[in-house]
Amino acid sequence: MNATTQAPVDGRSARWARHREERRAELLDVARHLIHEQGPDVTMEDIAAASGTSKSIVYRYFEDKAQLQRALGRSILSTMHGKLLEEMRALEARVGREPEADERIHAMIRAYVETAQRSPGVYRFVTRPSDGLNHFLSSVSRLVATFLPAEIPAPQVWAHGSVGFVERAVDVWMTDHDTSEISEASETADASHASHASADPTDPTDPGNAAQRTTPLTSDQLVTHLVTWLMKGLHA
């Protein structure tokens, strides 16, 4: 077969490859929006319906939900990486020098927390135990390692440990916030019914004494504490 007859075939292959990537990107965008709105328990059938296609078509682009999760994690990491680079440039312009390690780590943790806060459903979907989660955390760990001072021994070990620590801490923090919001709504309703009854000011289970209970950290407090704990360990 000569070059003249081969060119059209190559052209069709290139167009199909381009179409395939565009379609995958469209499905990922649909999945992200659907999970953001409905939570992490959406099915491939849900994604197919929201895309206006069939599940069999979705499986042409993603072998299973784990592969979709991995691809979505990569997409989120790419967005996070871009945000981090943007913040680093802004930080350098503001301070007029190379940012210190704690400043870089602070920016990264803040971006991670903001990503989780912005879309809890997508965060929960991505961080469920799976190959996709392993890939996501490994990618973030490699990114963290680039922020560490050159003299730090075994930077990859520290990076993987710190990422696991932050991931679990943020997960617990978000759960606490979810629980707190549900409790507050329930307490408001209970308090309206119990307002006419006498209350025990020492009873922490009494709806009227909700303020005495532990208040979840704000996102800024969480980030500050995590950076402090990690940097203490880094320089120990």
Protein backbone atom coordinates (compact mmCIF):
# COMPACT_ATOMS: atom_id res chain seq x y z
CA MET A 1 0.00 0.00 0.00
CA ASN A 2 1.50 3.36 -0.99
CA ALA A 3 1.47 6.67 0.87
CA THR A 4 -1.41 7.97 -1.26
CA THR A 5 -3.83 5.22 -0.18
CA GLN A 6 -2.55 5.16 3.43
CA ALA A 7 -3.18 8.86 4.17
CA PRO A 8 -7.02 8.71 4.25
CA VAL A 9 -6.89 5.78 6.70
CA ASP A 10 -4.52 7.70 8.97
CA GLY A 11 -6.78 10.73 8.72
CA ARG A 12 -9.84 8.72 9.75
CA SER A 13 -7.90 7.21 12.66
CA ALA A 14 -6.82 10.63 13.85
CA ARG A 15 -10.39 11.95 13.64
CA TRP A 16 -11.73 8.94 15.55
CA ALA A 17 -9.06 9.35 18.25
CA ARG A 18 -9.92 13.03 18.56
CA HIS A 19 -13.64 12.25 18.71
CA ARG A 20 -13.03 9.60 21.36
CA GLU A 21 -11.11 12.00 23.59
CA GLU A 22 -13.74 14.70 23.16
CA ARG A 23 -16.50 12.25 24.03
CA ARG A 24 -14.63 11.01 27.10
CA ALA A 25 -14.20 14.62 28.24
CA GLU A 26 -17.93 15.25 27.76
CA LEU A 27 -18.85 12.14 29.78
CA LEU A 28 -16.45 13.16 32.56
CA ASP A 29 -18.02 16.60 32.67
CA VAL A 30 -21.51 15.08 32.89
CA ALA A 31 -20.36 12.68 35.60
CA ARG A 32 -18.76 15.47 37.61
CA HIS A 33 -21.91 17.61 37.52
CA LEU A 34 -24.16 14.66 38.30
CA ILE A 35 -22.05 13.56 41.26
CA HIS A 36 -21.85 17.16 42.47
CA GLU A 37 -25.65 17.40 42.47
CA GLN A 38 -26.65 13.90 43.59
CA GLY A 39 -23.68 12.61 45.57
CA PRO A 40 -21.13 9.84 45.05
CA ASP A 41 -23.60 6.97 44.68
CA VAL A 42 -24.57 7.66 41.07
CA THR A 43 -24.43 4.65 38.77
CA MET A 44 -23.18 4.18 35.25
CA GLU A 45 -26.86 4.07 34.26
CA ASP A 46 -27.38 7.50 35.83
CA ILE A 47 -24.40 8.90 33.95
CA ALA A 48 -25.61 7.39 30.70
CA ALA A 49 -29.11 8.82 31.18
CA ALA A 50 -27.76 12.28 32.00
CA SER A 51 -25.58 12.06 28.88
CA GLY A 52 -28.55 11.13 26.72
CA THR A 53 -27.02 7.81 25.74
CA SER A 54 -26.97 4.17 26.83
CA LYS A 55 -24.81 2.43 29.41
CA SER A 56 -23.23 0.32 26.68
CA ILE A 57 -22.02 3.50 24.99
CA VAL A 58 -20.50 4.76 28.24
CA TYR A 59 -18.64 1.45 28.58
CA ARG A 60 -17.03 2.09 25.21
CA TYR A 61 -15.13 4.94 26.82
CA PHE A 62 -14.73 3.66 30.39
CA GLU A 63 -14.33 -0.04 31.17
CA ASP A 64 -15.96 0.32 34.60
CA LYS A 65 -16.70 2.80 37.37
CA ALA A 66 -13.17 2.46 38.74
CA GLN A 67 -11.70 3.69 35.46
CA LEU A 68 -14.17 6.57 35.43
CA GLN A 69 -13.18 7.37 39.02
CA ARG A 70 -9.51 7.34 38.10
CA ALA A 71 -10.09 9.62 35.10
CA LEU A 72 -12.18 11.99 37.20
CA GLY A 73 -9.46 12.03 39.86
CA ARG A 74 -6.87 12.95 37.24
CA SER A 75 -9.10 15.75 36.02
CA ILE A 76 -9.56 17.12 39.55
CA LEU A 77 -5.83 16.82 40.26
CA SER A 78 -5.10 18.73 37.05
CA THR A 79 -7.43 21.51 38.17
CA MET A 80 -5.86 21.51 41.63
CA HIS A 81 -2.36 21.62 40.14
CA GLY A 82 -3.29 24.62 38.03
CA LYS A 83 -4.73 26.36 41.07
CA LEU A 84 -1.58 25.63 43.06
CA LEU A 85 0.69 27.03 40.37
CA GLU A 86 -1.49 30.12 40.18
CA GLU A 87 -1.32 30.56 43.95
CA MET A 88 2.44 30.04 43.95
CA ARG A 89 2.89 32.76 41.33
CA ALA A 90 0.65 35.10 43.31
CA LEU A 91 2.54 34.28 46.51
CA GLU A 92 5.92 34.91 44.90
CA ALA A 93 4.70 38.22 43.49
CA ARG A 94 3.35 39.25 46.88
CA VAL A 95 6.40 38.37 48.99
CA GLY A 96 9.00 39.01 46.30
CA ARG A 97 10.96 35.80 47.01
CA GLU A 98 10.87 32.02 46.73
CA PRO A 99 8.07 30.77 49.03
CA GLU A 100 9.11 28.77 52.07
CA ALA A 101 8.15 25.12 52.43
CA ASP A 102 5.41 25.86 54.96
CA GLU A 103 3.90 28.46 52.63
CA ARG A 104 3.83 25.98 49.77
CA ILE A 105 2.34 23.24 51.96
CA HIS A 106 -0.24 25.71 53.27
CA ALA A 107 -1.27 26.59 49.71
CA MET A 108 -1.58 22.94 48.76
CA ILE A 109 -3.65 21.95 51.78
CA ARG A 110 -5.87 24.98 51.32
CA ALA A 111 -6.47 24.01 47.69
CA TYR A 112 -7.27 20.44 48.74
CA VAL A 113 -9.74 21.59 51.41
CA GLU A 114 -11.35 24.06 49.03
CA THR A 115 -11.73 21.32 46.41
CA ALA A 116 -13.45 19.08 48.95
CA GLN A 117 -15.68 21.91 50.20
CA ARG A 118 -16.65 23.06 46.74
CA SER A 119 -18.08 19.69 45.82
CA PRO A 120 -18.36 17.17 48.68
CA GLY A 121 -20.07 14.64 46.40
CA VAL A 122 -17.22 14.62 43.88
CA TYR A 123 -14.67 14.48 46.70
CA ARG A 124 -16.43 11.51 48.30
CA PHE A 125 -16.62 9.77 44.93
CA VAL A 126 -12.93 10.23 44.18
CA THR A 127 -11.66 9.27 47.65
CA ARG A 128 -13.53 5.98 48.01
CA PRO A 129 -11.19 2.96 48.30
CA SER A 130 -10.27 1.96 44.77
CA ASP A 131 -7.48 1.90 42.24
CA GLY A 132 -8.62 5.40 41.32
CA LEU A 133 -8.02 6.59 44.87
CA ASN A 134 -4.57 5.00 44.94
CA HIS A 135 -3.67 6.76 41.70
CA PHE A 136 -5.04 10.07 42.97
CA LEU A 137 -3.16 9.95 46.27
CA SER A 138 0.06 8.84 44.59
CA SER A 139 -0.20 11.75 42.17
CA VAL A 140 -0.79 14.21 44.99
CA SER A 141 2.14 12.73 46.93
CA ARG A 142 4.47 13.30 44.00
CA LEU A 143 3.23 16.86 43.81
CA VAL A 144 3.85 17.38 47.55
CA ALA A 145 7.39 16.05 47.22
CA THR A 146 8.24 18.89 44.82
CA PHE A 147 7.49 21.39 47.59
CA LEU A 148 9.89 19.89 50.12
CA PRO A 149 13.34 21.32 50.93
CA ALA A 150 16.21 19.48 49.26
CA GLU A 151 17.76 18.49 52.59
CA ILE A 152 14.70 16.52 53.74
CA PRO A 153 15.55 12.77 53.81
CA ALA A 154 13.23 10.35 52.00
CA PRO A 155 10.91 13.07 50.63
CA GLN A 156 8.60 10.55 48.95
CA VAL A 157 8.08 8.72 52.24
CA TRP A 158 7.23 11.95 54.03
CA ALA A 159 5.00 13.09 51.16
CA HIS A 160 2.98 9.85 51.10
CA GLY A 161 2.59 9.91 54.86
CA SER A 162 1.50 13.55 54.91
CA VAL A 163 -0.99 13.07 52.09
CA GLY A 164 -2.56 10.11 53.85
CA PHE A 165 -2.74 12.13 57.07
CA VAL A 166 -4.35 15.13 55.37
CA GLU A 167 -6.79 12.99 53.39
CA ARG A 168 -8.05 11.22 56.50
CA ALA A 169 -8.14 14.44 58.54
CA VAL A 170 -10.16 16.25 55.88
CA ASP A 171 -12.48 13.27 55.53
CA VAL A 172 -13.20 13.23 59.28
CA TRP A 173 -13.58 17.02 59.32
CA MET A 174 -16.15 16.92 56.51
CA THR A 175 -18.06 14.13 58.24
CA ASP A 176 -18.10 16.17 61.45
CA HIS A 177 -19.49 19.14 59.55
CA ASP A 178 -22.16 17.01 57.90
CA THR A 179 -23.14 15.56 61.27
CA SER A 180 -23.11 19.00 62.88
CA GLU A 181 -25.41 20.45 60.23
CA ILE A 182 -27.88 17.58 60.63
CA SER A 183 -27.77 17.90 64.42
CA GLU A 184 -28.33 21.66 64.29
CA ALA A 185 -31.39 21.22 62.10
CA SER A 186 -32.76 18.56 64.44
CA GLU A 187 -31.99 20.64 67.53
CA THR A 188 -33.75 23.67 66.09
CA ALA A 189 -36.88 21.62 65.58
CA ASP A 190 -36.61 19.99 69.00
CA ALA A 191 -35.99 23.28 70.75
CA SER A 192 -39.17 24.77 69.31
CA HIS A 193 -41.16 21.91 70.86
CA ALA A 194 -39.29 21.92 74.15
CA SER A 195 -39.11 25.68 74.70
CA HIS A 196 -42.05 25.59 77.12
CA ALA A 197 -40.46 22.89 79.29
CA SER A 198 -37.85 23.43 81.98
CA ALA A 199 -34.31 22.63 80.83
CA ASP A 200 -31.27 21.38 82.67
CA PRO A 201 -28.41 23.82 81.86
CA THR A 202 -25.82 21.12 82.64
CA ASP A 203 -27.24 18.54 80.24
CA PRO A 204 -25.25 18.64 76.93
CA THR A 205 -27.94 16.55 75.22
CA ASP A 206 -30.55 19.22 75.90
CA PRO A 207 -31.28 21.10 72.61
CA GLY A 208 -31.02 24.39 74.46
CA ASN A 209 -27.41 23.67 75.43
CA ALA A 210 -26.07 22.89 71.95
CA ALA A 211 -23.55 25.71 72.19
CA GLN A 212 -21.77 23.85 75.01
CA ARG A 213 -20.82 21.07 72.62
CA THR A 214 -17.67 21.04 70.51
CA THR A 215 -17.94 23.21 67.40
CA PRO A 216 -16.24 21.81 64.27
CA LEU A 217 -13.16 23.64 63.05
CA THR A 218 -13.58 26.19 60.30
CA SER A 219 -11.75 25.47 57.06
CA ASP A 220 -9.12 28.12 57.88
CA GLN A 221 -8.55 26.62 61.33
CA LEU A 222 -8.25 23.15 59.84
CA VAL A 223 -5.66 24.26 57.28
CA THR A 224 -3.64 26.13 59.91
CA HIS A 225 -3.60 23.17 62.29
CA LEU A 226 -2.66 20.68 59.57
CA VAL A 227 0.22 22.83 58.35
CA THR A 228 1.48 23.33 61.92
CA TRP A 229 1.37 19.61 62.71
CA LEU A 230 3.04 18.62 59.44
CA MET A 231 5.79 21.21 59.60
CA LYS A 232 6.64 20.27 63.19
CA GLY A 233 7.07 16.69 62.02
CA LEU A 234 9.09 17.78 59.01
CA HIS A 235 11.67 19.57 61.14
CA ALA A 236 11.70 17.12 64.07
